């Protein structure tokens, strides 16, 4: 998972560079057994301090959203700074 996260982060950094966008990025390793993931993300953003949290979402709806929940939704609900949600491609 970490290697996949690093790969995706590097791809996004390259897109930002090509767009001449000022940015900083950080890959955060979390253990779900040590508290709520949403709060860990926000704590890291506050400590950074980040101006914006960008987070991916699967865009689930209905029963799958009800049972699986959404880390992204949790971040949006409790973050003190703006959050940009990026919807992933639908998997069939």
N, C-alpha and C. Protein backbone atom coordinates (compact mmCIF):
# COMPACT_ATOMS: atom_id res chain seq x y z
N UNK A 1 0.83 -1.19 0.00
CA UNK A 1 0.00 0.00 0.00
C UNK A 1 0.87 1.26 0.00
N UNK A 2 1.95 1.23 0.80
CA UNK A 2 2.82 2.40 0.86
C UNK A 2 3.44 2.69 -0.51
N UNK A 3 3.92 1.65 -1.18
CA UNK A 3 4.52 1.84 -2.50
C UNK A 3 3.51 2.41 -3.48
N UNK A 4 2.29 1.91 -3.42
CA UNK A 4 1.23 2.41 -4.30
C UNK A 4 0.95 3.89 -3.99
N UNK A 5 0.88 4.24 -2.71
CA UNK A 5 0.67 5.63 -2.32
C UNK A 5 1.78 6.54 -2.80
N UNK A 6 3.03 6.07 -2.69
CA UNK A 6 4.16 6.85 -3.17
C UNK A 6 4.09 7.08 -4.68
N UNK A 7 3.68 6.03 -5.40
CA UNK A 7 3.56 6.14 -6.86
C UNK A 7 2.50 7.18 -7.24
N UNK A 8 1.35 7.08 -6.63
CA UNK A 8 0.26 8.02 -6.93
C UNK A 8 0.68 9.44 -6.56
N UNK A 9 1.31 9.61 -5.41
CA UNK A 9 1.73 10.94 -4.98
C UNK A 9 2.73 11.54 -5.97
N UNK A 10 3.68 10.75 -6.45
CA UNK A 10 4.65 11.25 -7.43
C UNK A 10 3.95 11.66 -8.73
N UNK A 11 2.96 10.90 -9.15
CA UNK A 11 2.21 11.25 -10.36
C UNK A 11 1.48 12.58 -10.17
N UNK A 12 0.87 12.78 -9.02
CA UNK A 12 0.15 14.03 -8.76
C UNK A 12 1.12 15.20 -8.65
N UNK A 13 2.29 14.97 -8.05
CA UNK A 13 3.30 16.02 -7.96
C UNK A 13 3.74 16.46 -9.35
N UNK A 14 3.91 15.49 -10.26
CA UNK A 14 4.31 15.83 -11.62
C UNK A 14 3.25 16.65 -12.33
N UNK A 15 1.99 16.31 -12.14
CA UNK A 15 0.90 17.08 -12.74
C UNK A 15 0.93 18.52 -12.20
N UNK A 16 1.13 18.67 -10.90
CA UNK A 16 1.19 20.02 -10.31
C UNK A 16 2.38 20.80 -10.86
N UNK A 17 3.54 20.15 -11.00
CA UNK A 17 4.73 20.81 -11.56
C UNK A 17 4.47 21.29 -12.97
N UNK A 18 3.86 20.43 -13.79
CA UNK A 18 3.58 20.78 -15.18
C UNK A 18 2.59 21.94 -15.29
N UNK A 19 1.78 22.11 -14.26
CA UNK A 19 0.79 23.19 -14.23
C UNK A 19 1.35 24.46 -13.59
N UNK A 20 2.64 24.42 -13.24
CA UNK A 20 3.29 25.56 -12.56
C UNK A 20 2.54 25.96 -11.30
N UNK A 21 2.10 24.97 -10.54
CA UNK A 21 1.37 25.18 -9.31
C UNK A 21 2.31 25.05 -8.13
N UNK A 22 2.24 26.01 -7.20
CA UNK A 22 3.01 25.88 -5.97
C UNK A 22 2.32 24.85 -5.08
N UNK A 23 3.08 23.90 -4.57
CA UNK A 23 2.47 22.86 -3.74
C UNK A 23 3.51 22.25 -2.83
N UNK A 24 3.02 21.59 -1.82
CA UNK A 24 3.80 20.71 -0.98
C UNK A 24 2.96 19.45 -0.82
N UNK A 25 3.60 18.33 -0.69
CA UNK A 25 2.85 17.10 -0.52
C UNK A 25 3.49 16.26 0.57
N UNK A 26 2.68 15.36 1.10
CA UNK A 26 3.17 14.50 2.17
C UNK A 26 2.36 13.21 2.17
N UNK A 27 3.06 12.09 2.25
CA UNK A 27 2.41 10.80 2.38
C UNK A 27 2.37 10.46 3.86
N UNK A 28 1.20 10.20 4.37
CA UNK A 28 1.02 9.92 5.80
C UNK A 28 0.72 8.44 5.96
N UNK A 29 1.48 7.78 6.82
CA UNK A 29 1.22 6.38 7.13
C UNK A 29 0.36 6.32 8.39
N UNK A 30 -0.73 5.60 8.30
CA UNK A 30 -1.67 5.50 9.41
C UNK A 30 -1.95 4.06 9.76
N UNK A 31 -2.13 3.81 11.02
CA UNK A 31 -2.57 2.50 11.48
C UNK A 31 -3.98 2.68 12.02
N UNK A 32 -4.92 1.99 11.40
CA UNK A 32 -6.32 2.19 11.77
C UNK A 32 -6.59 1.78 13.21
N UNK A 33 -5.72 0.98 13.80
CA UNK A 33 -5.95 0.57 15.18
C UNK A 33 -5.59 1.67 16.19
N UNK A 34 -5.02 2.77 15.71
CA UNK A 34 -4.61 3.85 16.60
C UNK A 34 -5.50 5.08 16.43
N UNK A 35 -6.78 4.92 16.50
CA UNK A 35 -7.70 6.04 16.42
C UNK A 35 -8.36 6.15 15.05
N UNK A 36 -9.18 7.16 14.92
CA UNK A 36 -9.92 7.36 13.68
C UNK A 36 -9.02 7.93 12.60
N UNK A 37 -9.09 7.36 11.41
CA UNK A 37 -8.25 7.79 10.30
C UNK A 37 -8.52 9.25 9.97
N UNK A 38 -9.79 9.64 9.97
CA UNK A 38 -10.14 11.02 9.65
C UNK A 38 -9.42 12.01 10.56
N UNK A 39 -9.42 11.72 11.85
CA UNK A 39 -8.79 12.62 12.80
C UNK A 39 -7.27 12.65 12.62
N UNK A 40 -6.68 11.51 12.30
CA UNK A 40 -5.23 11.45 12.07
C UNK A 40 -4.84 12.33 10.88
N UNK A 41 -5.64 12.29 9.81
CA UNK A 41 -5.37 13.11 8.63
C UNK A 41 -5.45 14.58 9.00
N UNK A 42 -6.47 14.96 9.73
CA UNK A 42 -6.65 16.36 10.11
C UNK A 42 -5.55 16.80 11.06
N UNK A 43 -5.16 15.96 12.00
CA UNK A 43 -4.06 16.31 12.91
C UNK A 43 -2.78 16.58 12.14
N UNK A 44 -2.49 15.73 11.15
CA UNK A 44 -1.30 15.93 10.32
C UNK A 44 -1.39 17.24 9.55
N UNK A 45 -2.56 17.53 9.00
CA UNK A 45 -2.76 18.77 8.24
C UNK A 45 -2.57 20.00 9.14
N UNK A 46 -3.05 19.94 10.37
CA UNK A 46 -2.87 21.06 11.31
C UNK A 46 -1.41 21.24 11.68
N UNK A 47 -0.70 20.13 11.90
CA UNK A 47 0.71 20.20 12.29
C UNK A 47 1.61 20.69 11.17
N UNK A 48 1.18 20.54 9.94
CA UNK A 48 2.03 20.85 8.79
C UNK A 48 2.38 22.31 8.73
N UNK A 49 1.64 23.33 8.68
CA UNK A 49 0.19 23.45 8.56
C UNK A 49 -0.24 23.51 7.09
N UNK A 50 -1.26 22.77 6.75
CA UNK A 50 -1.76 22.71 5.38
C UNK A 50 -2.83 23.77 5.16
N UNK A 51 -2.85 24.34 3.96
CA UNK A 51 -3.89 25.29 3.58
C UNK A 51 -5.10 24.58 3.02
N UNK A 52 -4.90 23.37 2.52
CA UNK A 52 -5.94 22.62 1.83
C UNK A 52 -5.64 21.13 1.96
N UNK A 53 -6.66 20.34 2.21
CA UNK A 53 -6.53 18.88 2.17
C UNK A 53 -7.14 18.41 0.86
N UNK A 54 -6.39 17.65 0.09
CA UNK A 54 -6.91 17.03 -1.14
C UNK A 54 -6.97 15.54 -0.88
N UNK A 55 -8.16 14.96 -1.06
CA UNK A 55 -8.34 13.55 -0.73
C UNK A 55 -9.21 12.88 -1.79
N UNK A 56 -8.86 11.66 -2.11
CA UNK A 56 -9.63 10.91 -3.10
C UNK A 56 -10.84 10.25 -2.47
N UNK A 57 -11.84 9.99 -3.31
CA UNK A 57 -13.05 9.33 -2.84
C UNK A 57 -13.55 8.38 -3.93
N UNK A 58 -14.17 7.30 -3.50
CA UNK A 58 -14.73 6.34 -4.45
C UNK A 58 -16.11 6.79 -4.94
N UNK A 59 -16.73 7.71 -4.24
CA UNK A 59 -18.05 8.17 -4.64
C UNK A 59 -19.13 7.13 -4.48
N UNK A 60 -18.98 6.27 -3.49
CA UNK A 60 -20.00 5.23 -3.26
C UNK A 60 -21.31 5.86 -2.83
N UNK A 61 -22.38 5.19 -3.15
CA UNK A 61 -23.72 5.67 -2.76
C UNK A 61 -24.53 4.49 -2.25
N UNK A 62 -25.65 4.81 -1.69
CA UNK A 62 -26.58 3.77 -1.27
C UNK A 62 -26.04 2.89 -0.16
N UNK A 63 -26.36 1.59 -0.25
CA UNK A 63 -25.99 0.66 0.81
C UNK A 63 -24.48 0.51 0.98
N UNK A 64 -23.71 0.54 -0.11
CA UNK A 64 -22.26 0.39 0.03
C UNK A 64 -21.68 1.55 0.82
N UNK A 65 -22.23 2.76 0.62
CA UNK A 65 -21.76 3.91 1.39
C UNK A 65 -22.18 3.78 2.85
N UNK A 66 -23.40 3.33 3.06
CA UNK A 66 -23.92 3.17 4.41
C UNK A 66 -23.06 2.20 5.22
N UNK A 67 -22.68 1.07 4.61
CA UNK A 67 -21.92 0.05 5.33
C UNK A 67 -20.42 0.33 5.36
N UNK A 68 -19.88 0.88 4.30
CA UNK A 68 -18.44 1.10 4.23
C UNK A 68 -18.03 2.46 4.79
N UNK A 69 -18.96 3.42 4.79
CA UNK A 69 -18.62 4.74 5.27
C UNK A 69 -17.66 5.42 4.33
N UNK A 70 -17.12 6.54 4.75
CA UNK A 70 -16.21 7.27 3.89
C UNK A 70 -15.25 8.08 4.73
N UNK A 71 -13.97 7.78 4.60
CA UNK A 71 -12.95 8.58 5.28
C UNK A 71 -13.01 10.01 4.75
N UNK A 72 -13.15 10.14 3.44
CA UNK A 72 -13.20 11.47 2.84
C UNK A 72 -14.36 12.28 3.42
N UNK A 73 -15.52 11.67 3.56
CA UNK A 73 -16.67 12.37 4.12
C UNK A 73 -16.40 12.78 5.56
N UNK A 74 -15.77 11.90 6.31
CA UNK A 74 -15.42 12.23 7.69
C UNK A 74 -14.46 13.40 7.78
N UNK A 75 -13.49 13.45 6.87
CA UNK A 75 -12.54 14.58 6.85
C UNK A 75 -13.29 15.87 6.53
N UNK A 76 -14.15 15.83 5.53
CA UNK A 76 -14.92 17.02 5.16
C UNK A 76 -15.73 17.54 6.34
N UNK A 77 -16.32 16.64 7.10
CA UNK A 77 -17.19 17.05 8.22
C UNK A 77 -16.45 17.72 9.36
N UNK A 78 -15.20 17.31 9.63
CA UNK A 78 -14.54 17.84 10.82
C UNK A 78 -13.29 18.68 10.56
N UNK A 79 -12.89 18.82 9.31
CA UNK A 79 -11.68 19.58 9.00
C UNK A 79 -11.89 21.09 9.20
N UNK A 80 -10.93 21.77 9.83
CA UNK A 80 -11.04 23.21 10.01
C UNK A 80 -10.55 23.99 8.78
N UNK A 81 -9.97 23.29 7.81
CA UNK A 81 -9.50 23.94 6.59
C UNK A 81 -10.24 23.37 5.40
N UNK A 82 -10.16 24.02 4.23
CA UNK A 82 -10.87 23.51 3.06
C UNK A 82 -10.40 22.11 2.67
N UNK A 83 -11.32 21.33 2.11
CA UNK A 83 -11.03 19.97 1.64
C UNK A 83 -11.51 19.86 0.20
N UNK A 84 -10.63 19.37 -0.67
CA UNK A 84 -10.97 19.14 -2.07
C UNK A 84 -11.07 17.64 -2.28
N UNK A 85 -12.25 17.18 -2.70
CA UNK A 85 -12.46 15.75 -2.96
C UNK A 85 -12.25 15.48 -4.44
N UNK A 86 -11.47 14.43 -4.72
CA UNK A 86 -11.23 14.01 -6.10
C UNK A 86 -11.86 12.63 -6.26
N UNK A 87 -12.84 12.53 -7.13
CA UNK A 87 -13.52 11.26 -7.33
C UNK A 87 -12.68 10.36 -8.23
N UNK A 88 -12.52 9.11 -7.80
CA UNK A 88 -11.79 8.13 -8.58
C UNK A 88 -12.63 7.59 -9.71
N UNK A 89 -11.99 6.88 -10.60
CA UNK A 89 -12.70 6.25 -11.70
C UNK A 89 -13.58 5.13 -11.17
N UNK A 90 -14.75 4.96 -11.80
CA UNK A 90 -15.63 3.88 -11.39
C UNK A 90 -15.04 2.55 -11.82
N UNK A 91 -15.12 1.57 -10.94
CA UNK A 91 -14.67 0.23 -11.26
C UNK A 91 -15.89 -0.62 -11.58
N UNK A 92 -15.84 -1.34 -12.64
CA UNK A 92 -16.99 -2.20 -13.02
C UNK A 92 -16.72 -3.62 -12.66
